[in-house]
Amino acid sequence: MTPAGKEQAASTMPVVLVTGAKGQVGRELVRRGAAHGLTVIGRTRQELDVADAAAVRAAIAEVRPVCVLNAAAYTAVDRAETEAAAARAANALGPEALARACQAAGVPLFHLSTDYVFDGTKKTAWREEDATSPLGVYGRTKEEGERLVRAACPRHLIIRVSWVFSAHGHNFVKTMLRLAKERDEVRVVADQHGCPTPAAAIADALLATAGRLARGAEIPWGTYHFAGAPPTTWHGFAREIFTQAAELLRLKPPRLVPISTAAYPTPAQRPAWSVLDCAKIRRLLRIPQPDWRQGLRAVLAEMAGGPTPRS
């Protein structure tokens, strides 16, 4: 019996296939699936390259999932400026191959995208129908991936998320905790606005929708925004991280200094305003916005050795 067959034989629950299973959201999808009544079969990039069309078709045929959840992506925003081909392969061509394979197999595709498809010039929350205008290679490749998925697989959910964090992988929370141990003063950008989003909340949103699909519910396909609340800045996010870490991790908070984007130049330009309007996903998919501060507390508790989420 193949590995996928053994995983399926272990349970009679509906099966979903997760790509990018080592990433922040991918890890949460794998470990939280059973709590949603689903068997999650996760594949890392080493096990399944989404840009390999033949391998993707074979994986779908073997697993026979009710849907595919694509959490695979190239997310190194600054490095993408000099590695455009690699970013495009993972963020655009890979999702297209996955979408084509899903369409051929009659399987819906859930695909993660990003707030970086917008240029940040608005001062009100971005809605799904707003025109995209990405500022850098990462955002451009993600926006191209969206277009290719829409064209190749009509039964799709494209979920735009922002400022993702978890206890694993590379993210702002872990960077701030490292800097707090190394420095007495930490300078953080205070003029970029957005919505921190726990990877666990993204996973729960995707799995809840996959569970509805498995039970035969009609899903309104299309593009949705999903992000934490309330909006903040990177400086505000850092302040909350240090406040909670002082309590949960006994970490001495450094002196936190607000700075402008101009004072912290990076290879890739970031949008100044990345706040996402999440009314559509609440209305059509019945998924509420998570409070990122509660999600942060859960992440820090996990890092402190507390109980991990049910899987």
Protein backbone atom coordinates (compact mmCIF):
# COMPACT_ATOMS: atom_id res chain seq x y z
CA MET A 1 0.00 0.00 0.00
CA THR A 2 1.27 3.50 -0.84
CA PRO A 3 1.90 6.06 1.94
CA ALA A 4 -1.22 7.97 0.89
CA GLY A 5 -3.24 4.77 0.93
CA LYS A 6 -2.08 3.99 4.45
CA GLU A 7 -3.04 7.48 5.60
CA GLN A 8 -6.50 7.09 4.09
CA ALA A 9 -6.96 3.60 5.48
CA ALA A 10 -6.34 4.95 8.97
CA SER A 11 -9.56 6.93 8.83
CA THR A 12 -12.92 7.02 7.11
CA MET A 13 -13.01 10.81 7.36
CA PRO A 14 -13.02 12.88 4.14
CA VAL A 15 -9.53 13.51 2.80
CA VAL A 16 -7.93 16.82 1.84
CA LEU A 17 -4.52 17.23 0.24
CA VAL A 18 -2.26 20.00 1.57
CA THR A 19 0.72 21.30 -0.38
CA GLY A 20 3.45 23.28 1.34
CA ALA A 21 2.98 21.25 4.52
CA LYS A 22 6.17 22.56 6.15
CA GLY A 23 5.17 26.21 6.00
CA GLN A 24 3.41 28.14 8.74
CA VAL A 25 -0.12 27.54 7.47
CA GLY A 26 0.69 24.09 6.10
CA ARG A 27 1.84 22.85 9.51
CA GLU A 28 -1.36 24.10 11.12
CA LEU A 29 -3.52 22.51 8.44
CA VAL A 30 -1.92 19.12 9.03
CA ARG A 31 -2.19 19.16 12.79
CA ARG A 32 -5.68 20.68 13.01
CA GLY A 33 -7.44 18.58 10.39
CA ALA A 34 -8.87 15.88 12.65
CA ALA A 35 -10.56 18.51 14.84
CA HIS A 36 -12.58 19.45 11.75
CA GLY A 37 -13.48 15.85 10.91
CA LEU A 38 -10.96 15.62 8.07
CA THR A 39 -7.99 13.46 7.22
CA VAL A 40 -5.25 15.83 6.08
CA ILE A 41 -2.53 14.41 3.84
CA GLY A 42 0.31 16.93 3.85
CA ARG A 43 3.05 17.12 1.24
CA THR A 44 6.15 19.27 1.64
CA ARG A 45 7.87 20.96 -1.28
CA GLN A 46 10.44 18.15 -1.29
CA GLU A 47 7.66 15.57 -1.52
CA LEU A 48 5.51 17.43 -4.04
CA ASP A 49 6.66 20.34 -6.18
CA VAL A 50 3.46 22.12 -7.25
CA ALA A 51 5.20 23.25 -10.46
CA ASP A 52 5.65 19.59 -11.49
CA ALA A 53 2.39 19.03 -13.36
CA ALA A 54 2.83 15.27 -13.71
CA ALA A 55 3.62 14.82 -10.02
CA VAL A 56 0.61 16.94 -9.03
CA ARG A 57 -1.73 14.92 -11.25
CA ALA A 58 -0.37 11.68 -9.78
CA ALA A 59 -0.78 12.91 -6.19
CA ILE A 60 -4.39 13.92 -6.75
CA ALA A 61 -5.18 10.61 -8.45
CA GLU A 62 -3.60 8.68 -5.57
CA VAL A 63 -5.11 10.64 -2.68
CA ARG A 64 -8.55 11.34 -4.23
CA PRO A 65 -9.19 14.37 -2.00
CA VAL A 66 -12.42 16.33 -1.67
CA CYS A 67 -10.28 19.44 -2.25
CA VAL A 68 -6.67 20.59 -2.45
CA LEU A 69 -5.41 23.26 -0.04
CA ASN A 70 -2.40 25.04 -1.55
CA ALA A 71 -0.18 26.51 1.16
CA ALA A 72 2.99 26.28 -0.95
CA ALA A 73 4.62 29.61 -1.82
CA TYR A 74 7.85 31.54 -2.18
CA THR A 75 7.54 34.07 0.66
CA ALA A 76 11.02 35.63 0.92
CA VAL A 77 9.81 39.10 -0.06
CA ASP A 78 13.20 40.82 -0.29
CA ARG A 79 15.07 37.90 -1.83
CA ALA A 80 12.41 37.64 -4.53
CA GLU A 81 13.75 40.87 -6.03
CA THR A 82 16.84 38.95 -7.18
CA GLU A 83 15.23 35.51 -7.49
CA ALA A 84 12.28 36.40 -9.69
CA ALA A 85 12.28 33.12 -11.62
CA ALA A 86 12.12 31.03 -8.45
CA ALA A 87 9.37 33.24 -7.03
CA ARG A 88 7.33 32.98 -10.25
CA ALA A 89 7.74 29.20 -10.39
CA ALA A 90 6.37 28.78 -6.87
CA ASN A 91 3.79 31.58 -6.79
CA ALA A 92 2.41 31.60 -10.33
CA LEU A 93 3.40 28.62 -12.49
CA GLY A 94 3.03 26.12 -9.64
CA PRO A 95 -0.49 27.22 -8.72
CA GLU A 96 -1.43 27.13 -12.41
CA ALA A 97 -0.25 23.53 -12.71
CA LEU A 98 -2.11 22.67 -9.53
CA ALA A 99 -5.28 24.39 -10.76
CA ARG A 100 -5.16 22.57 -14.10
CA ALA A 101 -4.72 19.24 -12.35
CA CYS A 102 -7.59 20.00 -9.96
CA GLN A 103 -9.87 20.99 -12.84
CA ALA A 104 -9.04 17.81 -14.77
CA ALA A 105 -9.79 15.70 -11.68
CA GLY A 106 -12.97 17.61 -10.79
CA VAL A 107 -11.48 18.71 -7.45
CA PRO A 108 -11.80 22.27 -6.04
CA LEU A 109 -8.66 24.24 -5.17
CA PHE A 110 -8.20 26.48 -2.13
CA HIS A 111 -5.25 28.81 -2.79
CA LEU A 112 -3.56 31.27 -0.42
CA SER A 113 -2.61 34.71 -1.67
CA THR A 114 -1.50 37.95 -0.03
CA ASP A 115 -2.21 41.57 0.80
CA TYR A 116 0.93 42.40 -1.22
CA VAL A 117 -1.13 42.29 -4.43
CA PHE A 118 -2.15 45.86 -3.48
CA ASP A 119 0.05 48.97 -3.61
CA GLY A 120 -0.95 50.34 -0.20
CA THR A 121 -2.15 53.73 -1.44
CA LYS A 122 -5.70 53.40 -0.08
CA LYS A 123 -6.65 54.70 3.36
CA THR A 124 -9.68 52.46 3.77
CA ALA A 125 -9.69 48.67 3.97
CA TRP A 126 -8.98 46.86 0.71
CA ARG A 127 -11.94 44.98 -0.78
CA GLU A 128 -11.75 41.95 -3.01
CA GLU A 129 -12.87 43.87 -6.10
CA ASP A 130 -10.28 46.66 -5.71
CA ALA A 131 -7.73 46.89 -8.52
CA THR A 132 -4.45 45.15 -7.78
CA SER A 133 -1.13 46.92 -8.27
CA PRO A 134 1.72 45.05 -6.56
CA LEU A 135 4.91 46.91 -5.74
CA GLY A 136 7.51 44.13 -5.99
CA VAL A 137 8.34 40.73 -7.45
CA TYR A 138 6.70 38.80 -4.62
CA GLY A 139 3.39 40.65 -4.99
CA ARG A 140 3.49 40.47 -8.80
CA THR A 141 4.06 36.71 -8.81
CA LYS A 142 1.27 36.16 -6.28
CA GLU A 143 -1.10 38.33 -8.34
CA GLU A 144 -0.19 36.38 -11.48
CA GLY A 145 -0.86 33.16 -9.58
CA GLU A 146 -4.34 34.41 -8.71
CA ARG A 147 -5.12 35.11 -12.37
CA LEU A 148 -3.83 31.75 -13.51
CA VAL A 149 -5.82 29.88 -10.86
CA ARG A 150 -9.02 31.71 -11.82
CA ALA A 151 -8.53 30.87 -15.49
CA ALA A 152 -7.66 27.20 -14.96
CA CYS A 153 -10.06 26.09 -12.21
CA PRO A 154 -13.48 27.75 -11.84
CA ARG A 155 -14.16 25.96 -8.55
CA HIS A 156 -11.56 27.82 -6.52
CA LEU A 157 -11.22 29.82 -3.34
CA ILE A 158 -8.43 32.39 -3.37
CA ILE A 159 -7.87 33.57 0.20
CA ARG A 160 -5.76 36.70 0.62
CA VAL A 161 -4.08 36.81 4.03
CA SER A 162 -1.63 39.20 5.68
CA TRP A 163 1.18 39.39 8.25
CA VAL A 164 1.04 35.65 9.04
CA PHE A 165 2.63 34.42 12.27
CA SER A 166 2.95 31.17 14.21
CA ALA A 167 5.32 29.33 16.53
CA HIS A 168 7.14 27.88 13.52
CA GLY A 169 9.02 29.14 10.50
CA HIS A 170 10.19 32.69 9.82
CA ASN A 171 7.87 35.47 10.93
CA PHE A 172 7.74 38.83 12.68
CA VAL A 173 6.92 37.41 16.11
CA LYS A 174 9.98 35.18 16.16
CA THR A 175 12.17 37.98 14.83
CA MET A 176 11.04 40.35 17.57
CA LEU A 177 11.63 37.74 20.28
CA ARG A 178 15.15 37.12 18.97
CA LEU A 179 15.95 40.83 18.84
CA ALA A 180 14.62 41.32 22.37
CA LYS A 181 17.20 38.83 23.62
CA GLU A 182 20.03 40.44 21.66
CA ARG A 183 19.37 44.18 22.07
CA ASP A 184 18.33 46.76 24.64
CA GLU A 185 16.64 48.83 21.92
CA VAL A 186 14.56 47.68 18.95
CA ARG A 187 13.52 50.08 16.18
CA VAL A 188 10.33 49.15 14.32
CA VAL A 189 8.48 50.75 11.41
CA ALA A 190 5.38 52.63 12.59
CA ASP A 191 3.93 53.93 9.31
CA GLN A 192 2.94 50.63 7.66
CA HIS A 193 -0.57 49.48 8.60
CA GLY A 194 -1.95 45.97 8.37
CA CYS A 195 -3.60 43.01 10.03
CA PRO A 196 -1.52 40.36 11.82
CA THR A 197 -3.06 36.93 11.21
CA PRO A 198 -2.43 33.71 13.15
CA ALA A 199 -1.59 30.78 10.86
CA ALA A 200 -3.83 28.63 13.05
CA ALA A 201 -6.83 30.86 12.31
CA ILE A 202 -6.16 30.65 8.57
CA ALA A 203 -5.97 26.86 8.83
CA ASP A 204 -9.22 26.70 10.78
CA ALA A 205 -10.96 28.88 8.19
CA LEU A 206 -9.79 26.68 5.32
CA LEU A 207 -10.58 23.42 7.12
CA ALA A 208 -14.03 24.58 8.22
CA THR A 209 -14.85 25.40 4.60
CA ALA A 210 -13.39 22.11 3.37
CA GLY A 211 -15.56 20.32 5.95
CA ARG A 212 -18.67 22.06 4.64
CA LEU A 213 -17.70 21.05 1.12
CA ALA A 214 -17.23 17.42 2.20
CA ARG A 215 -20.72 17.45 3.74
CA GLY A 216 -22.21 18.53 0.43
CA ALA A 217 -22.71 22.24 1.10
CA GLU A 218 -22.68 24.71 -1.77
CA ILE A 219 -19.59 26.91 -1.64
CA PRO A 220 -19.63 30.41 -3.17
CA TRP A 221 -16.38 30.22 -5.16
CA GLY A 222 -14.17 33.25 -5.71
CA THR A 223 -11.69 35.55 -3.98
CA TYR A 224 -11.88 36.41 -0.28
CA HIS A 225 -9.94 38.38 2.30
CA PHE A 226 -9.13 36.86 5.69
CA ALA A 227 -7.02 38.67 8.27
CA GLY A 228 -6.82 39.36 11.98
CA ALA A 229 -8.37 42.28 13.82
CA PRO A 230 -7.92 45.02 14.86
CA PRO A 231 -5.60 46.72 12.35
CA THR A 232 -2.25 47.91 13.68
CA THR A 233 1.25 48.88 12.60
CA TRP A 234 4.42 46.83 12.78
CA HIS A 235 5.33 48.99 15.79
CA GLY A 236 1.98 48.28 17.44
CA PHE A 237 2.39 44.58 16.71
CA ALA A 238 5.86 44.60 18.27
CA ARG A 239 4.58 46.41 21.37
CA GLU A 240 1.95 43.72 21.93
CA ILE A 241 4.51 40.97 21.34
CA PHE A 242 6.83 42.39 24.00
CA THR A 243 3.96 42.99 26.45
CA GLN A 244 2.69 39.43 26.20
CA ALA A 245 6.19 37.91 26.09
CA ALA A 246 7.08 39.65 29.34
CA GLU A 247 4.20 37.78 30.98
CA LEU A 248 4.29 34.42 29.20
CA LEU A 249 8.00 34.01 28.48
CA ARG A 250 9.44 36.14 31.27
CA LEU A 251 11.25 38.10 28.59
CA LYS A 252 12.62 41.50 29.50
CA PRO A 253 11.14 43.92 26.94
CA PRO A 254 13.61 46.13 25.08
CA ARG A 255 13.13 49.84 24.52
CA LEU A 256 10.82 50.05 21.49
CA VAL A 257 11.45 52.99 19.14
CA PRO A 258 9.03 53.88 16.30
CA ILE A 259 10.69 54.72 12.97
CA SER A 260 9.54 55.56 9.46
CA THR A 261 9.73 53.27 6.44
CA ALA A 262 12.32 55.64 4.98
CA ALA A 263 14.55 54.98 7.98
CA TYR A 264 14.50 51.22 7.31
CA PRO A 265 15.09 50.70 3.56
CA THR A 266 14.58 47.18 2.20
CA PRO A 267 15.17 45.67 -1.27
CA ALA A 268 11.41 45.24 -1.78
CA GLN A 269 8.97 48.08 -1.23
CA ARG A 270 6.17 47.27 1.23
CA PRO A 271 2.61 48.62 0.94
CA ALA A 272 1.97 51.35 3.51
CA TRP A 273 -1.67 50.32 3.95
CA SER A 274 -2.46 46.59 3.93
CA VAL A 275 -5.68 46.53 5.95
CA LEU A 276 -8.07 43.99 4.41
CA ASP A 277 -11.87 44.24 4.43
CA CYS A 278 -13.13 40.83 5.59
CA ALA A 279 -16.88 41.45 5.33
CA LYS A 280 -17.31 39.15 2.33
CA ILE A 281 -15.87 36.06 4.01
CA ARG A 282 -18.02 36.71 7.09
CA ARG A 283 -21.14 37.10 4.97
CA LEU A 284 -20.73 34.30 2.43
CA LEU A 285 -18.58 31.70 4.20
CA ARG A 286 -19.66 32.52 7.78
CA ILE A 287 -16.04 32.89 8.93
CA PRO A 288 -15.41 35.65 11.52
CA GLN A 289 -12.19 37.63 11.81
CA PRO A 290 -9.89 36.36 14.55
CA ASP A 291 -8.50 38.65 17.23
CA TRP A 292 -4.77 38.45 16.49
CA ARG A 293 -3.94 39.36 20.09
CA GLN A 294 -5.58 36.14 21.28
CA GLY A 295 -3.78 34.24 18.54
CA LEU A 296 -0.50 35.77 19.67
CA ARG A 297 -1.15 34.60 23.23
CA ALA A 298 -1.69 31.04 21.94
CA VAL A 299 1.52 31.16 19.91
CA LEU A 300 3.59 32.44 22.82
CA ALA A 301 2.05 29.85 25.14
CA GLU A 302 3.06 27.15 22.69
CA MET A 303 6.57 28.54 22.51
CA ALA A 304 6.67 28.51 26.31
CA GLY A 305 5.88 24.81 26.29
CA GLY A 306 2.13 24.99 26.79
CA PRO A 307 -0.44 22.68 25.20
CA THR A 308 -0.48 22.56 21.39
CA PRO A 309 -3.72 22.80 19.40
CA ARG A 310 -5.69 19.63 18.91
CA SER A 311 -4.91 17.66 15.77
